[in-house]
PDB file of N, CA and C in Angstrom:
ATOM      1  N   UNK A   1       0.848  -1.196   0.000  1.00  0.00           N
ATOM      2  CA  UNK A   1       0.000   0.000   0.000  1.00  0.00           C
ATOM      3  C   UNK A   1       0.885   1.247   0.000  1.00  0.00           C
ATOM      4  N   UNK A   2       0.737   2.098  -0.986  1.00  0.00           N
ATOM      5  CA  UNK A   2       1.621   3.273  -1.069  1.00  0.00           C
ATOM      6  C   UNK A   2       1.318   4.285   0.018  1.00  0.00           C
ATOM      7  N   UNK A   3       2.298   5.074   0.333  1.00  0.00           N
ATOM      8  CA  UNK A   3       2.116   6.107   1.352  1.00  0.00           C
ATOM      9  C   UNK A   3       1.242   7.219   0.786  1.00  0.00           C
ATOM     10  N   UNK A   4       0.522   7.954   1.628  1.00  0.00           N
ATOM     11  CA  UNK A   4      -0.369   9.020   1.134  1.00  0.00           C
ATOM     12  C   UNK A   4       0.377  10.115   0.373  1.00  0.00           C
ATOM     13  N   UNK A   5       1.626  10.368   0.761  1.00  0.00           N
ATOM     14  CA  UNK A   5       2.392  11.434   0.113  1.00  0.00           C
ATOM     15  C   UNK A   5       3.171  10.934  -1.098  1.00  0.00           C
ATOM     16  N   UNK A   6       2.897   9.699  -1.506  1.00  0.00           N
ATOM     17  CA  UNK A   6       3.669   9.135  -2.616  1.00  0.00           C
ATOM     18  C   UNK A   6       3.299   9.837  -3.921  1.00  0.00           C
ATOM     19  N   UNK A   7       4.298  10.413  -4.551  1.00  0.00           N
ATOM     20  CA  UNK A   7       4.097  11.076  -5.838  1.00  0.00           C
ATOM     21  C   UNK A   7       4.773  10.212  -6.898  1.00  0.00           C
ATOM     22  N   UNK A   8       4.027   9.695  -7.878  1.00  0.00           N
ATOM     23  CA  UNK A   8       4.638   8.807  -8.870  1.00  0.00           C
ATOM     24  C   UNK A   8       5.683   9.518  -9.729  1.00  0.00           C
ATOM     25  N   UNK A   9       5.599  10.842  -9.802  1.00  0.00           N
ATOM     26  CA  UNK A   9       6.522  11.599 -10.633  1.00  0.00           C
ATOM     27  C   UNK A   9       7.152  12.697  -9.785  1.00  0.00           C
ATOM     28  N   UNK A  10       8.471  12.819  -9.780  1.00  0.00           N
ATOM     29  CA  UNK A  10       9.090  13.914  -9.018  1.00  0.00           C
ATOM     30  C   UNK A  10       8.714  15.261  -9.624  1.00  0.00           C
ATOM     31  N   UNK A  11       8.671  16.321  -8.814  1.00  0.00           N
ATOM     32  CA  UNK A  11       8.261  17.628  -9.339  1.00  0.00           C
ATOM     33  C   UNK A  11       9.183  18.142 -10.442  1.00  0.00           C
ATOM     34  N   UNK A  12      10.450  17.716 -10.415  1.00  0.00           N
ATOM     35  CA  UNK A  12      11.363  18.181 -11.455  1.00  0.00           C
ATOM     36  C   UNK A  12      10.921  17.703 -12.836  1.00  0.00           C
ATOM     37  N   UNK A  13      10.319  16.515 -12.890  1.00  0.00           N
ATOM     38  CA  UNK A  13       9.906  15.965 -14.183  1.00  0.00           C
ATOM     39  C   UNK A  13       8.790  16.811 -14.784  1.00  0.00           C
ATOM     40  N   UNK A  14       7.814  17.198 -13.960  1.00  0.00           N
ATOM     41  CA  UNK A  14       6.716  17.998 -14.496  1.00  0.00           C
ATOM     42  C   UNK A  14       7.220  19.385 -14.897  1.00  0.00           C
ATOM     43  N   UNK A  15       8.153  19.936 -14.124  1.00  0.00           N
ATOM     44  CA  UNK A  15       8.720  21.238 -14.480  1.00  0.00           C
ATOM     45  C   UNK A  15       9.485  21.128 -15.798  1.00  0.00           C
ATOM     46  N   UNK A  16      10.204  20.024 -15.951  1.00  0.00           N
ATOM     47  CA  UNK A  16      10.956  19.825 -17.189  1.00  0.00           C
ATOM     48  C   UNK A  16      10.006  19.683 -18.372  1.00  0.00           C
ATOM     49  N   UNK A  17       8.881  18.993 -18.137  1.00  0.00           N
ATOM     50  CA  UNK A  17       7.915  18.845 -19.228  1.00  0.00           C
ATOM     51  C   UNK A  17       7.298  20.196 -19.578  1.00  0.00           C
ATOM     52  N   UNK A  18       7.044  21.028 -18.564  1.00  0.00           N
ATOM     53  CA  UNK A  18       6.509  22.368 -18.841  1.00  0.00           C
ATOM     54  C   UNK A  18       7.502  23.168 -19.687  1.00  0.00           C
ATOM     55  N   UNK A  19       8.778  23.083 -19.330  1.00  0.00           N
ATOM     56  CA  UNK A  19       9.802  23.797 -20.091  1.00  0.00           C
ATOM     57  C   UNK A  19       9.857  23.258 -21.517  1.00  0.00           C
ATOM     58  N   UNK A  20       9.738  21.925 -21.649  1.00  0.00           N
ATOM     59  CA  UNK A  20       9.781  21.312 -22.978  1.00  0.00           C
ATOM     60  C   UNK A  20       8.590  21.755 -23.806  1.00  0.00           C
ATOM     61  N   UNK A  21       7.396  21.788 -23.193  1.00  0.00           N
ATOM     62  CA  UNK A  21       6.208  22.244 -23.916  1.00  0.00           C
ATOM     63  C   UNK A  21       6.383  23.697 -24.351  1.00  0.00           C
ATOM     64  N   UNK A  22       6.922  24.519 -23.456  1.00  0.00           N
ATOM     65  CA  UNK A  22       7.137  25.930 -23.789  1.00  0.00           C
ATOM     66  C   UNK A  22       8.130  26.053 -24.945  1.00  0.00           C
ATOM     67  N   UNK A  23       9.173  25.214 -24.920  1.00  0.00           N
ATOM     68  CA  UNK A  23      10.163  25.243 -25.995  1.00  0.00           C
ATOM     69  C   UNK A  23       9.529  24.823 -27.318  1.00  0.00           C
ATOM     70  N   UNK A  24       8.636  23.824 -27.266  1.00  0.00           N
ATOM     71  CA  UNK A  24       7.960  23.388 -28.494  1.00  0.00           C
ATOM     72  C   UNK A  24       7.099  24.511 -29.053  1.00  0.00           C
ATOM     73  N   UNK A  25       6.362  25.202 -28.172  1.00  0.00           N
ATOM     74  CA  UNK A  25       5.506  26.304 -28.614  1.00  0.00           C
ATOM     75  C   UNK A  25       6.361  27.421 -29.211  1.00  0.00           C
ATOM     76  N   UNK A  26       7.464  27.740 -28.525  1.00  0.00           N
ATOM     77  CA  UNK A  26       8.352  28.794 -29.016  1.00  0.00           C
ATOM     78  C   UNK A  26       8.935  28.419 -30.374  1.00  0.00           C
ATOM     79  N   UNK A  27       9.372  27.165 -30.510  1.00  0.00           N
ATOM     80  CA  UNK A  27       9.934  26.715 -31.781  1.00  0.00           C
ATOM     81  C   UNK A  27       8.885  26.764 -32.884  1.00  0.00           C
ATOM     82  N   UNK A  28       7.652  26.415 -32.541  1.00  0.00           N
ATOM     83  CA  UNK A  28       6.570  26.450 -33.528  1.00  0.00           C
ATOM     84  C   UNK A  28       6.325  27.882 -33.989  1.00  0.00           C
ATOM     85  N   UNK A  29       6.282  28.815 -33.026  1.00  0.00           N
ATOM     86  CA  UNK A  29       6.053  30.220 -33.373  1.00  0.00           C
ATOM     87  C   UNK A  29       7.204  30.749 -34.235  1.00  0.00           C
ATOM     88  N   UNK A  30       8.431  30.401 -33.852  1.00  0.00           N
ATOM     89  CA  UNK A  30       9.579  30.863 -34.629  1.00  0.00           C
ATOM     90  C   UNK A  30       9.551  30.267 -36.030  1.00  0.00           C
ATOM     91  N   UNK A  31       9.169  28.991 -36.127  1.00  0.00           N
ATOM     92  CA  UNK A  31       9.090  28.342 -37.426  1.00  0.00           C
ATOM     93  C   UNK A  31       8.043  28.993 -38.313  1.00  0.00           C
ATOM     94  N   UNK A  32       6.874  29.287 -37.732  1.00  0.00           N
ATOM     95  CA  UNK A  32       5.815  29.933 -38.506  1.00  0.00           C
ATOM     96  C   UNK A  32       6.237  31.333 -38.931  1.00  0.00           C
ATOM     97  N   UNK A  33       6.927  32.042 -38.031  1.00  0.00           N
ATOM     98  CA  UNK A  33       7.398  33.387 -38.364  1.00  0.00           C
ATOM     99  C   UNK A  33       8.404  33.332 -39.511  1.00  0.00           C
ATOM    100  N   UNK A  34       9.322  32.377 -39.441  1.00  0.00           N
ATOM    101  CA  UNK A  34      10.310  32.236 -40.510  1.00  0.00           C
ATOM    102  C   UNK A  34       9.627  31.869 -41.824  1.00  0.00           C
ATOM    103  N   UNK A  35       8.632  30.981 -41.753  1.00  0.00           N
ATOM    104  CA  UNK A  35       7.908  30.589 -42.959  1.00  0.00           C
ATOM    105  C   UNK A  35       7.179  31.781 -43.565  1.00  0.00           C
ATOM    106  N   UNK A  36       6.501  32.561 -42.711  1.00  0.00           N
ATOM    107  CA  UNK A  36       5.774  33.743 -43.183  1.00  0.00           C
ATOM    108  C   UNK A  36       6.744  34.750 -43.798  1.00  0.00           C
ATOM    109  N   UNK A  37       7.929  34.912 -43.182  1.00  0.00           N
ATOM    110  CA  UNK A  37       8.934  35.825 -43.727  1.00  0.00           C
ATOM    111  C   UNK A  37       9.383  35.366 -45.111  1.00  0.00           C
ATOM    112  N   UNK A  38       9.596  34.053 -45.262  1.00  0.00           N
ATOM    113  CA  UNK A  38       9.996  33.533 -46.569  1.00  0.00           C
ATOM    114  C   UNK A  38       8.902  33.758 -47.603  1.00  0.00           C
ATOM    115  N   UNK A  39       7.645  33.565 -47.193  1.00  0.00           N
ATOM    116  CA  UNK A  39       6.524  33.793 -48.115  1.00  0.00           C
ATOM    117  C   UNK A  39       6.492  35.261 -48.540  1.00  0.00           C
ATOM    118  N   UNK A  40       6.643  36.162 -47.571  1.00  0.00           N
ATOM    119  CA  UNK A  40       6.623  37.590 -47.900  1.00  0.00           C
ATOM    120  C   UNK A  40       7.786  37.959 -48.815  1.00  0.00           C
ATOM    121  N   UNK A  41       8.963  37.372 -48.557  1.00  0.00           N
ATOM    122  CA  UNK A  41      10.110  37.655 -49.421  1.00  0.00           C
ATOM    123  C   UNK A  41       9.855  37.133 -50.828  1.00  0.00           C
ATOM    124  N   UNK A  42       9.273  35.943 -50.930  1.00  0.00           N
ATOM    125  CA  UNK A  42       8.972  35.379 -52.250  1.00  0.00           C
ATOM    126  C   UNK A  42       7.968  36.264 -52.980  1.00  0.00           C
ATOM    127  N   UNK A  43       6.953  36.747 -52.267  1.00  0.00           N
ATOM    128  CA  UNK A  43       5.974  37.634 -52.892  1.00  0.00           C
ATOM    129  C   UNK A  43       6.635  38.950 -53.305  1.00  0.00           C
ATOM    130  N   UNK A  44       7.562  39.422 -52.471  1.00  0.00           N
ATOM    131  CA  UNK A  44       8.259  40.664 -52.795  1.00  0.00           C
ATOM    132  C   UNK A  44       9.097  40.479 -54.060  1.00  0.00           C
ATOM    133  N   UNK A  45       9.710  39.298 -54.210  1.00  0.00           N
ATOM    134  CA  UNK A  45      10.524  39.029 -55.393  1.00  0.00           C
ATOM    135  C   UNK A  45       9.665  38.984 -56.651  1.00  0.00           C
ATOM    136  N   UNK A  46       8.402  38.605 -56.497  1.00  0.00           N
ATOM    137  CA  UNK A  46       7.519  38.572 -57.668  1.00  0.00           C
ATOM    138  C   UNK A  46       6.897  39.942 -57.918  1.00  0.00           C
ATOM    139  N   UNK A  47       7.264  40.940 -57.096  1.00  0.00           N
ATOM    140  CA  UNK A  47       6.791  42.321 -57.263  1.00  0.00           C
ATOM    141  C   UNK A  47       5.272  42.438 -57.194  1.00  0.00           C
ATOM    142  N   UNK A  48       4.679  41.756 -56.219  1.00  0.00           N
ATOM    143  CA  UNK A  48       3.235  41.890 -56.053  1.00  0.00           C
ATOM    144  C   UNK A  48       2.942  43.252 -55.440  1.00  0.00           C
ATOM    145  N   UNK A  49       1.951  43.980 -55.935  1.00  0.00           N
ATOM    146  CA  UNK A  49       1.689  45.340 -55.445  1.00  0.00           C
ATOM    147  C   UNK A  49       1.121  45.381 -54.035  1.00  0.00           C
ATOM    148  N   UNK A  50       0.559  44.264 -53.534  1.00  0.00           N
ATOM    149  CA  UNK A  50      -0.088  44.279 -52.226  1.00  0.00           C
ATOM    150  C   UNK A  50       0.835  43.851 -51.099  1.00  0.00           C
ATOM    151  N   UNK A  51       2.154  43.841 -51.366  1.00  0.00           N
ATOM    152  CA  UNK A  51       3.098  43.422 -50.325  1.00  0.00           C
ATOM    153  C   UNK A  51       3.068  44.395 -49.152  1.00  0.00           C
ATOM    154  N   UNK A  52       2.694  45.641 -49.398  1.00  0.00           N
ATOM    155  CA  UNK A  52       2.656  46.624 -48.325  1.00  0.00           C
ATOM    156  C   UNK A  52       1.539  46.381 -47.335  1.00  0.00           C
ATOM    157  N   UNK A  53       0.581  45.516 -47.668  1.00  0.00           N
ATOM    158  CA  UNK A  53      -0.525  45.252 -46.748  1.00  0.00           C
ATOM    159  C   UNK A  53      -0.078  44.409 -45.564  1.00  0.00           C
ATOM    160  N   UNK A  54       0.990  43.622 -45.734  1.00  0.00           N
ATOM    161  CA  UNK A  54       1.413  42.718 -44.673  1.00  0.00           C
ATOM    162  C   UNK A  54       2.160  43.479 -43.581  1.00  0.00           C
TER     163      UNK A  54
END
C-alpha cells in the first residue's frame, strides 16, 4: 500500500515537461514566423503590389 504522500513523478519531471512544452511552442512560433517571412520575401521578389498590406 503506497504512502499518502507518494508522488509517482518527481516535481522536477513535471517542471521539465513544462519547459519542454514551452520550448515546443516557441519553436513552432519561430518556425511559422520564418515561414511567413519567406513567403513575404517570395511575394516581394515577384513584385506583387499588395506586399505593403502585410
